[in-house]
ModelCIF file with pLDDT and N, C-alpha, C, O atoms, coordinates in Angstrom:
data_MODEL
#
_entry.id   MODEL 
#
_entity.id                         1 
_entity.type                       polymer 
_entity.pdbx_number_of_molecules   1 
#
_entity_poly.entity_id                      1 
_entity_poly.type                           'polypeptide(L)' 
_entity_poly.nstd_linkage                   no 
_entity_poly.nstd_monomer                   no 
_entity_poly.pdbx_seq_one_letter_code       
;(UNK)(UNK)(UNK)(UNK)(UNK)(UNK)(UNK)(UNK)(UNK)(UNK)(UNK)(UNK)(UNK)(UNK)(UNK)(UNK)
(UNK)(UNK)(UNK)(UNK)(UNK)(UNK)(UNK)(UNK)(UNK)(UNK)(UNK)(UNK)(UNK)(UNK)(UNK)(UNK)
(UNK)(UNK)(UNK)(UNK)
;
_entity_poly.pdbx_seq_one_letter_code_can   XXXXXXXXXXXXXXXXXXXXXXXXXXXXXXXXXXXX 
_entity_poly.pdbx_strand_id                 A 
#
loop_
_entity_poly_seq.entity_id 
_entity_poly_seq.num 
_entity_poly_seq.mon_id 
_entity_poly_seq.hetero 
1 1  UNK n 
1 2  UNK n 
1 3  UNK n 
1 4  UNK n 
1 5  UNK n 
1 6  UNK n 
1 7  UNK n 
1 8  UNK n 
1 9  UNK n 
1 10 UNK n 
1 11 UNK n 
1 12 UNK n 
1 13 UNK n 
1 14 UNK n 
1 15 UNK n 
1 16 UNK n 
1 17 UNK n 
1 18 UNK n 
1 19 UNK n 
1 20 UNK n 
1 21 UNK n 
1 22 UNK n 
1 23 UNK n 
1 24 UNK n 
1 25 UNK n 
1 26 UNK n 
1 27 UNK n 
1 28 UNK n 
1 29 UNK n 
1 30 UNK n 
1 31 UNK n 
1 32 UNK n 
1 33 UNK n 
1 34 UNK n 
1 35 UNK n 
1 36 UNK n 
#
_struct_asym.id          A 
_struct_asym.entity_id   1 
#
loop_
_ma_qa_metric.id 
_ma_qa_metric.mode 
_ma_qa_metric.name 
_ma_qa_metric.software_group_id 
_ma_qa_metric.type 
1 global pLDDT . pLDDT 
2 local  pLDDT . pLDDT 
#
_ma_qa_metric_global.metric_id      1 
_ma_qa_metric_global.metric_value   96.81 
_ma_qa_metric_global.model_id       1 
_ma_qa_metric_global.ordinal_id     1 
#
loop_
_ma_qa_metric_local.label_asym_id 
_ma_qa_metric_local.label_comp_id 
_ma_qa_metric_local.label_seq_id 
_ma_qa_metric_local.metric_id 
_ma_qa_metric_local.metric_value 
_ma_qa_metric_local.model_id 
_ma_qa_metric_local.ordinal_id 
A UNK 1  2 96.00 1 1  
A UNK 2  2 96.00 1 2  
A UNK 3  2 95.00 1 3  
A UNK 4  2 96.00 1 4  
A UNK 5  2 95.00 1 5  
A UNK 6  2 96.00 1 6  
A UNK 7  2 97.00 1 7  
A UNK 8  2 97.00 1 8  
A UNK 9  2 98.00 1 9  
A UNK 10 2 98.00 1 10 
A UNK 11 2 98.00 1 11 
A UNK 12 2 98.00 1 12 
A UNK 13 2 97.00 1 13 
A UNK 14 2 97.00 1 14 
A UNK 15 2 98.00 1 15 
A UNK 16 2 97.00 1 16 
A UNK 17 2 98.00 1 17 
A UNK 18 2 98.00 1 18 
A UNK 19 2 98.00 1 19 
A UNK 20 2 98.00 1 20 
A UNK 21 2 98.00 1 21 
A UNK 22 2 98.00 1 22 
A UNK 23 2 98.00 1 23 
A UNK 24 2 98.00 1 24 
A UNK 25 2 97.00 1 25 
A UNK 26 2 97.00 1 26 
A UNK 27 2 97.00 1 27 
A UNK 28 2 95.00 1 28 
A UNK 29 2 95.00 1 29 
A UNK 30 2 94.00 1 30 
A UNK 31 2 96.00 1 31 
A UNK 32 2 96.00 1 32 
A UNK 33 2 96.00 1 33 
A UNK 34 2 95.00 1 34 
A UNK 35 2 97.00 1 35 
A UNK 36 2 97.00 1 36 
#
loop_
_atom_site.group_PDB 
_atom_site.id 
_atom_site.type_symbol 
_atom_site.label_atom_id 
_atom_site.label_alt_id 
_atom_site.label_comp_id 
_atom_site.label_asym_id 
_atom_site.label_entity_id 
_atom_site.label_seq_id 
_atom_site.pdbx_PDB_ins_code 
_atom_site.Cartn_x 
_atom_site.Cartn_y 
_atom_site.Cartn_z 
_atom_site.occupancy 
_atom_site.B_iso_or_equiv 
_atom_site.pdbx_formal_charge 
_atom_site.auth_seq_id 
_atom_site.auth_comp_id 
_atom_site.auth_asym_id 
_atom_site.auth_atom_id 
_atom_site.pdbx_PDB_model_num 
ATOM 1   N N  . UNK A 1 1  ? 0.982  -1.202 -0.125 1.00 96.00 ? 1  UNK A N  1 
ATOM 2   C CA . UNK A 1 1  ? 0.114  0.037  -0.087 1.00 96.00 ? 1  UNK A CA 1 
ATOM 3   C C  . UNK A 1 1  ? 0.861  1.498  0.043  1.00 96.00 ? 1  UNK A C  1 
ATOM 4   O O  . UNK A 1 1  ? 0.430  2.435  -0.629 1.00 96.00 ? 1  UNK A O  1 
ATOM 5   N N  . UNK A 1 2  ? 2.032  1.683  0.953  1.00 96.00 ? 2  UNK A N  1 
ATOM 6   C CA . UNK A 1 2  ? 2.827  2.448  0.670  1.00 96.00 ? 2  UNK A CA 1 
ATOM 7   C C  . UNK A 1 2  ? 4.278  2.019  1.117  1.00 96.00 ? 2  UNK A C  1 
ATOM 8   O O  . UNK A 1 2  ? 4.769  1.121  1.801  1.00 96.00 ? 2  UNK A O  1 
ATOM 9   N N  . UNK A 1 3  ? 4.783  3.256  0.295  1.00 95.00 ? 3  UNK A N  1 
ATOM 10  C CA . UNK A 1 3  ? 6.495  2.979  0.898  1.00 95.00 ? 3  UNK A CA 1 
ATOM 11  C C  . UNK A 1 3  ? 6.823  3.419  1.598  1.00 95.00 ? 3  UNK A C  1 
ATOM 12  O O  . UNK A 1 3  ? 6.522  4.598  1.784  1.00 95.00 ? 3  UNK A O  1 
ATOM 13  N N  . UNK A 1 4  ? 7.857  2.571  2.635  1.00 96.00 ? 4  UNK A N  1 
ATOM 14  C CA . UNK A 1 4  ? 7.952  3.195  3.916  1.00 96.00 ? 4  UNK A CA 1 
ATOM 15  C C  . UNK A 1 4  ? 9.223  4.447  3.558  1.00 96.00 ? 4  UNK A C  1 
ATOM 16  O O  . UNK A 1 4  ? 10.038 4.514  2.638  1.00 96.00 ? 4  UNK A O  1 
ATOM 17  N N  . UNK A 1 5  ? 9.023  5.109  4.418  1.00 95.00 ? 5  UNK A N  1 
ATOM 18  C CA . UNK A 1 5  ? 9.778  6.440  4.370  1.00 95.00 ? 5  UNK A CA 1 
ATOM 19  C C  . UNK A 1 5  ? 9.714  7.476  3.667  1.00 95.00 ? 5  UNK A C  1 
ATOM 20  O O  . UNK A 1 5  ? 10.442 8.460  3.800  1.00 95.00 ? 5  UNK A O  1 
ATOM 21  N N  . UNK A 1 6  ? 8.393  7.267  2.453  1.00 96.00 ? 6  UNK A N  1 
ATOM 22  C CA . UNK A 1 6  ? 7.845  8.508  1.669  1.00 96.00 ? 6  UNK A CA 1 
ATOM 23  C C  . UNK A 1 6  ? 6.428  8.649  2.310  1.00 96.00 ? 6  UNK A C  1 
ATOM 24  O O  . UNK A 1 6  ? 6.081  9.680  2.885  1.00 96.00 ? 6  UNK A O  1 
ATOM 25  N N  . UNK A 1 7  ? 5.676  7.611  2.183  1.00 97.00 ? 7  UNK A N  1 
ATOM 26  C CA . UNK A 1 7  ? 3.986  8.013  3.035  1.00 97.00 ? 7  UNK A CA 1 
ATOM 27  C C  . UNK A 1 7  ? 4.067  7.721  4.428  1.00 97.00 ? 7  UNK A C  1 
ATOM 28  O O  . UNK A 1 7  ? 3.044  7.873  5.097  1.00 97.00 ? 7  UNK A O  1 
ATOM 29  N N  . UNK A 1 8  ? 5.131  7.319  4.984  1.00 97.00 ? 8  UNK A N  1 
ATOM 30  C CA . UNK A 1 8  ? 5.202  6.931  6.409  1.00 97.00 ? 8  UNK A CA 1 
ATOM 31  C C  . UNK A 1 8  ? 6.144  5.831  6.680  1.00 97.00 ? 8  UNK A C  1 
ATOM 32  O O  . UNK A 1 8  ? 7.059  5.726  5.864  1.00 97.00 ? 8  UNK A O  1 
ATOM 33  N N  . UNK A 1 9  ? 6.109  4.904  7.751  1.00 98.00 ? 9  UNK A N  1 
ATOM 34  C CA . UNK A 1 9  ? 7.536  3.937  7.994  1.00 98.00 ? 9  UNK A CA 1 
ATOM 35  C C  . UNK A 1 9  ? 6.552  2.167  8.353  1.00 98.00 ? 9  UNK A C  1 
ATOM 36  O O  . UNK A 1 9  ? 5.571  1.959  9.068  1.00 98.00 ? 9  UNK A O  1 
ATOM 37  N N  . UNK A 1 10 ? 7.325  1.272  7.547  1.00 98.00 ? 10 UNK A N  1 
ATOM 38  C CA . UNK A 1 10 ? 6.966  0.145  7.788  1.00 98.00 ? 10 UNK A CA 1 
ATOM 39  C C  . UNK A 1 10 ? 7.599  -0.596 9.036  1.00 98.00 ? 10 UNK A C  1 
ATOM 40  O O  . UNK A 1 10 ? 8.823  -0.557 8.912  1.00 98.00 ? 10 UNK A O  1 
ATOM 41  N N  . UNK A 1 11 ? 7.228  -1.247 10.173 1.00 98.00 ? 11 UNK A N  1 
ATOM 42  C CA . UNK A 1 11 ? 7.712  -1.794 11.262 1.00 98.00 ? 11 UNK A CA 1 
ATOM 43  C C  . UNK A 1 11 ? 7.839  -3.066 11.409 1.00 98.00 ? 11 UNK A C  1 
ATOM 44  O O  . UNK A 1 11 ? 6.830  -3.471 10.832 1.00 98.00 ? 11 UNK A O  1 
ATOM 45  N N  . UNK A 1 12 ? 8.364  -3.937 11.770 1.00 98.00 ? 12 UNK A N  1 
ATOM 46  C CA . UNK A 1 12 ? 8.375  -5.123 12.245 1.00 98.00 ? 12 UNK A CA 1 
ATOM 47  C C  . UNK A 1 12 ? 6.999  -5.404 13.575 1.00 98.00 ? 12 UNK A C  1 
ATOM 48  O O  . UNK A 1 12 ? 6.773  -4.691 14.552 1.00 98.00 ? 12 UNK A O  1 
ATOM 49  N N  . UNK A 1 13 ? 6.326  -6.586 13.179 1.00 97.00 ? 13 UNK A N  1 
ATOM 50  C CA . UNK A 1 13 ? 5.117  -6.914 14.270 1.00 97.00 ? 13 UNK A CA 1 
ATOM 51  C C  . UNK A 1 13 ? 5.878  -6.864 15.468 1.00 97.00 ? 13 UNK A C  1 
ATOM 52  O O  . UNK A 1 13 ? 7.008  -7.347 15.535 1.00 97.00 ? 13 UNK A O  1 
ATOM 53  N N  . UNK A 1 14 ? 5.135  -6.126 16.710 1.00 97.00 ? 14 UNK A N  1 
ATOM 54  C CA . UNK A 1 14 ? 5.588  -6.185 17.709 1.00 97.00 ? 14 UNK A CA 1 
ATOM 55  C C  . UNK A 1 14 ? 6.699  -5.221 18.331 1.00 97.00 ? 14 UNK A C  1 
ATOM 56  O O  . UNK A 1 14 ? 7.057  -5.191 19.508 1.00 97.00 ? 14 UNK A O  1 
ATOM 57  N N  . UNK A 1 15 ? 7.222  -4.343 17.137 1.00 98.00 ? 15 UNK A N  1 
ATOM 58  C CA . UNK A 1 15 ? 8.479  -3.580 17.737 1.00 98.00 ? 15 UNK A CA 1 
ATOM 59  C C  . UNK A 1 15 ? 7.848  -2.139 17.789 1.00 98.00 ? 15 UNK A C  1 
ATOM 60  O O  . UNK A 1 15 ? 7.749  -1.278 16.916 1.00 98.00 ? 15 UNK A O  1 
ATOM 61  N N  . UNK A 1 16 ? 7.375  -2.174 19.379 1.00 97.00 ? 16 UNK A N  1 
ATOM 62  C CA . UNK A 1 16 ? 7.154  -0.718 19.532 1.00 97.00 ? 16 UNK A CA 1 
ATOM 63  C C  . UNK A 1 16 ? 8.488  0.419  19.799 1.00 97.00 ? 16 UNK A C  1 
ATOM 64  O O  . UNK A 1 16 ? 8.308  1.636  19.795 1.00 97.00 ? 16 UNK A O  1 
ATOM 65  N N  . UNK A 1 17 ? 9.609  -0.126 19.989 1.00 98.00 ? 17 UNK A N  1 
ATOM 66  C CA . UNK A 1 17 ? 10.875 0.716  20.312 1.00 98.00 ? 17 UNK A CA 1 
ATOM 67  C C  . UNK A 1 17 ? 10.490 1.648  18.909 1.00 98.00 ? 17 UNK A C  1 
ATOM 68  O O  . UNK A 1 17 ? 10.288 2.853  19.058 1.00 98.00 ? 17 UNK A O  1 
ATOM 69  N N  . UNK A 1 18 ? 10.374 0.848  17.155 1.00 98.00 ? 18 UNK A N  1 
ATOM 70  C CA . UNK A 1 18 ? 10.560 1.356  16.104 1.00 98.00 ? 18 UNK A CA 1 
ATOM 71  C C  . UNK A 1 18 ? 9.347  2.608  16.100 1.00 98.00 ? 18 UNK A C  1 
ATOM 72  O O  . UNK A 1 18 ? 9.546  3.795  15.841 1.00 98.00 ? 18 UNK A O  1 
ATOM 73  N N  . UNK A 1 19 ? 7.996  1.937  16.479 1.00 98.00 ? 19 UNK A N  1 
ATOM 74  C CA . UNK A 1 19 ? 6.767  2.697  16.481 1.00 98.00 ? 19 UNK A CA 1 
ATOM 75  C C  . UNK A 1 19 ? 6.989  4.204  16.965 1.00 98.00 ? 19 UNK A C  1 
ATOM 76  O O  . UNK A 1 19 ? 6.641  5.294  16.512 1.00 98.00 ? 19 UNK A O  1 
ATOM 77  N N  . UNK A 1 20 ? 7.815  3.737  18.230 1.00 98.00 ? 20 UNK A N  1 
ATOM 78  C CA . UNK A 1 20 ? 7.655  5.142  18.870 1.00 98.00 ? 20 UNK A CA 1 
ATOM 79  C C  . UNK A 1 20 ? 8.819  5.939  18.403 1.00 98.00 ? 20 UNK A C  1 
ATOM 80  O O  . UNK A 1 20 ? 8.693  7.162  18.472 1.00 98.00 ? 20 UNK A O  1 
ATOM 81  N N  . UNK A 1 21 ? 10.154 5.357  17.845 1.00 98.00 ? 21 UNK A N  1 
ATOM 82  C CA . UNK A 1 21 ? 11.051 6.058  17.183 1.00 98.00 ? 21 UNK A CA 1 
ATOM 83  C C  . UNK A 1 21 ? 10.619 6.782  15.892 1.00 98.00 ? 21 UNK A C  1 
ATOM 84  O O  . UNK A 1 21 ? 10.952 7.943  15.656 1.00 98.00 ? 21 UNK A O  1 
ATOM 85  N N  . UNK A 1 22 ? 9.759  5.932  14.960 1.00 98.00 ? 22 UNK A N  1 
ATOM 86  C CA . UNK A 1 22 ? 9.248  6.766  13.523 1.00 98.00 ? 22 UNK A CA 1 
ATOM 87  C C  . UNK A 1 22 ? 8.298  7.647  14.068 1.00 98.00 ? 22 UNK A C  1 
ATOM 88  O O  . UNK A 1 22 ? 8.008  8.530  13.261 1.00 98.00 ? 22 UNK A O  1 
ATOM 89  N N  . UNK A 1 23 ? 7.736  7.726  15.091 1.00 98.00 ? 23 UNK A N  1 
ATOM 90  C CA . UNK A 1 23 ? 6.689  8.749  15.606 1.00 98.00 ? 23 UNK A CA 1 
ATOM 91  C C  . UNK A 1 23 ? 7.104  10.123 16.027 1.00 98.00 ? 23 UNK A C  1 
ATOM 92  O O  . UNK A 1 23 ? 6.504  11.177 15.814 1.00 98.00 ? 23 UNK A O  1 
ATOM 93  N N  . UNK A 1 24 ? 8.474  9.893  16.799 1.00 98.00 ? 24 UNK A N  1 
ATOM 94  C CA . UNK A 1 24 ? 9.204  10.858 17.347 1.00 98.00 ? 24 UNK A CA 1 
ATOM 95  C C  . UNK A 1 24 ? 9.385  11.333 15.920 1.00 98.00 ? 24 UNK A C  1 
ATOM 96  O O  . UNK A 1 24 ? 8.924  12.436 15.623 1.00 98.00 ? 24 UNK A O  1 
ATOM 97  N N  . UNK A 1 25 ? 9.875  10.765 15.208 1.00 97.00 ? 25 UNK A N  1 
ATOM 98  C CA . UNK A 1 25 ? 10.635 11.598 14.127 1.00 97.00 ? 25 UNK A CA 1 
ATOM 99  C C  . UNK A 1 25 ? 9.647  12.250 13.373 1.00 97.00 ? 25 UNK A C  1 
ATOM 100 O O  . UNK A 1 25 ? 10.008 13.364 12.993 1.00 97.00 ? 25 UNK A O  1 
ATOM 101 N N  . UNK A 1 26 ? 8.559  11.928 13.047 1.00 97.00 ? 26 UNK A N  1 
ATOM 102 C CA . UNK A 1 26 ? 7.235  12.639 12.197 1.00 97.00 ? 26 UNK A CA 1 
ATOM 103 C C  . UNK A 1 26 ? 6.820  13.743 13.048 1.00 97.00 ? 26 UNK A C  1 
ATOM 104 O O  . UNK A 1 26 ? 6.826  14.934 12.738 1.00 97.00 ? 26 UNK A O  1 
ATOM 105 N N  . UNK A 1 27 ? 6.474  13.246 14.110 1.00 97.00 ? 27 UNK A N  1 
ATOM 106 C CA . UNK A 1 27 ? 5.621  14.653 14.970 1.00 97.00 ? 27 UNK A CA 1 
ATOM 107 C C  . UNK A 1 27 ? 6.548  15.555 15.651 1.00 97.00 ? 27 UNK A C  1 
ATOM 108 O O  . UNK A 1 27 ? 6.054  16.466 16.316 1.00 97.00 ? 27 UNK A O  1 
ATOM 109 N N  . UNK A 1 28 ? 8.204  15.400 15.564 1.00 95.00 ? 28 UNK A N  1 
ATOM 110 C CA . UNK A 1 28 ? 9.017  16.480 16.246 1.00 95.00 ? 28 UNK A CA 1 
ATOM 111 C C  . UNK A 1 28 ? 8.922  17.327 14.708 1.00 95.00 ? 28 UNK A C  1 
ATOM 112 O O  . UNK A 1 28 ? 9.158  18.534 14.775 1.00 95.00 ? 28 UNK A O  1 
ATOM 113 N N  . UNK A 1 29 ? 8.654  16.866 13.609 1.00 95.00 ? 29 UNK A N  1 
ATOM 114 C CA . UNK A 1 29 ? 9.276  17.767 12.275 1.00 95.00 ? 29 UNK A CA 1 
ATOM 115 C C  . UNK A 1 29 ? 7.876  17.916 11.579 1.00 95.00 ? 29 UNK A C  1 
ATOM 116 O O  . UNK A 1 29 ? 7.231  17.017 11.040 1.00 95.00 ? 29 UNK A O  1 
ATOM 117 N N  . UNK A 1 30 ? 7.470  19.527 11.730 1.00 94.00 ? 30 UNK A N  1 
ATOM 118 C CA . UNK A 1 30 ? 6.287  19.607 10.979 1.00 94.00 ? 30 UNK A CA 1 
ATOM 119 C C  . UNK A 1 30 ? 6.199  19.414 9.409  1.00 94.00 ? 30 UNK A C  1 
ATOM 120 O O  . UNK A 1 30 ? 5.251  19.051 8.712  1.00 94.00 ? 30 UNK A O  1 
ATOM 121 N N  . UNK A 1 31 ? 7.369  19.740 9.112  1.00 96.00 ? 31 UNK A N  1 
ATOM 122 C CA . UNK A 1 31 ? 7.894  20.122 7.392  1.00 96.00 ? 31 UNK A CA 1 
ATOM 123 C C  . UNK A 1 31 ? 7.671  17.999 6.778  1.00 96.00 ? 31 UNK A C  1 
ATOM 124 O O  . UNK A 1 31 ? 7.201  17.551 5.732  1.00 96.00 ? 31 UNK A O  1 
ATOM 125 N N  . UNK A 1 32 ? 8.140  17.410 7.755  1.00 96.00 ? 32 UNK A N  1 
ATOM 126 C CA . UNK A 1 32 ? 8.173  16.206 6.949  1.00 96.00 ? 32 UNK A CA 1 
ATOM 127 C C  . UNK A 1 32 ? 6.843  15.655 7.443  1.00 96.00 ? 32 UNK A C  1 
ATOM 128 O O  . UNK A 1 32 ? 6.498  14.746 6.688  1.00 96.00 ? 32 UNK A O  1 
ATOM 129 N N  . UNK A 1 33 ? 5.967  15.856 8.417  1.00 96.00 ? 33 UNK A N  1 
ATOM 130 C CA . UNK A 1 33 ? 4.911  15.410 8.103  1.00 96.00 ? 33 UNK A CA 1 
ATOM 131 C C  . UNK A 1 33 ? 4.305  15.937 7.361  1.00 96.00 ? 33 UNK A C  1 
ATOM 132 O O  . UNK A 1 33 ? 3.667  15.149 6.663  1.00 96.00 ? 33 UNK A O  1 
ATOM 133 N N  . UNK A 1 34 ? 4.104  17.319 7.041  1.00 95.00 ? 34 UNK A N  1 
ATOM 134 C CA . UNK A 1 34 ? 3.127  17.833 5.534  1.00 95.00 ? 34 UNK A CA 1 
ATOM 135 C C  . UNK A 1 34 ? 3.610  16.932 4.348  1.00 95.00 ? 34 UNK A C  1 
ATOM 136 O O  . UNK A 1 34 ? 2.763  16.585 3.525  1.00 95.00 ? 34 UNK A O  1 
ATOM 137 N N  . UNK A 1 35 ? 4.897  16.530 4.202  1.00 97.00 ? 35 UNK A N  1 
ATOM 138 C CA . UNK A 1 35 ? 5.657  16.270 3.158  1.00 97.00 ? 35 UNK A CA 1 
ATOM 139 C C  . UNK A 1 35 ? 4.914  14.461 3.173  1.00 97.00 ? 35 UNK A C  1 
ATOM 140 O O  . UNK A 1 35 ? 4.406  14.012 2.146  1.00 97.00 ? 35 UNK A O  1 
ATOM 141 N N  . UNK A 1 36 ? 4.972  13.746 4.294  1.00 97.00 ? 36 UNK A N  1 
ATOM 142 C CA . UNK A 1 36 ? 4.439  12.521 4.260  1.00 97.00 ? 36 UNK A CA 1 
ATOM 143 C C  . UNK A 1 36 ? 3.010  12.146 3.851  1.00 97.00 ? 36 UNK A C  1 
ATOM 144 O O  . UNK A 1 36 ? 2.653  10.968 3.867  1.00 97.00 ? 36 UNK A O  1 
#
């Protein structure tokens, strides 16, 4: 459905650390969030 790094991010099932890390990346950068 989408390309990781372009429309969002794909993570491994159960990987809560990656979920949080990518969320910090997007929520902390309004320009990146608008681009995605």
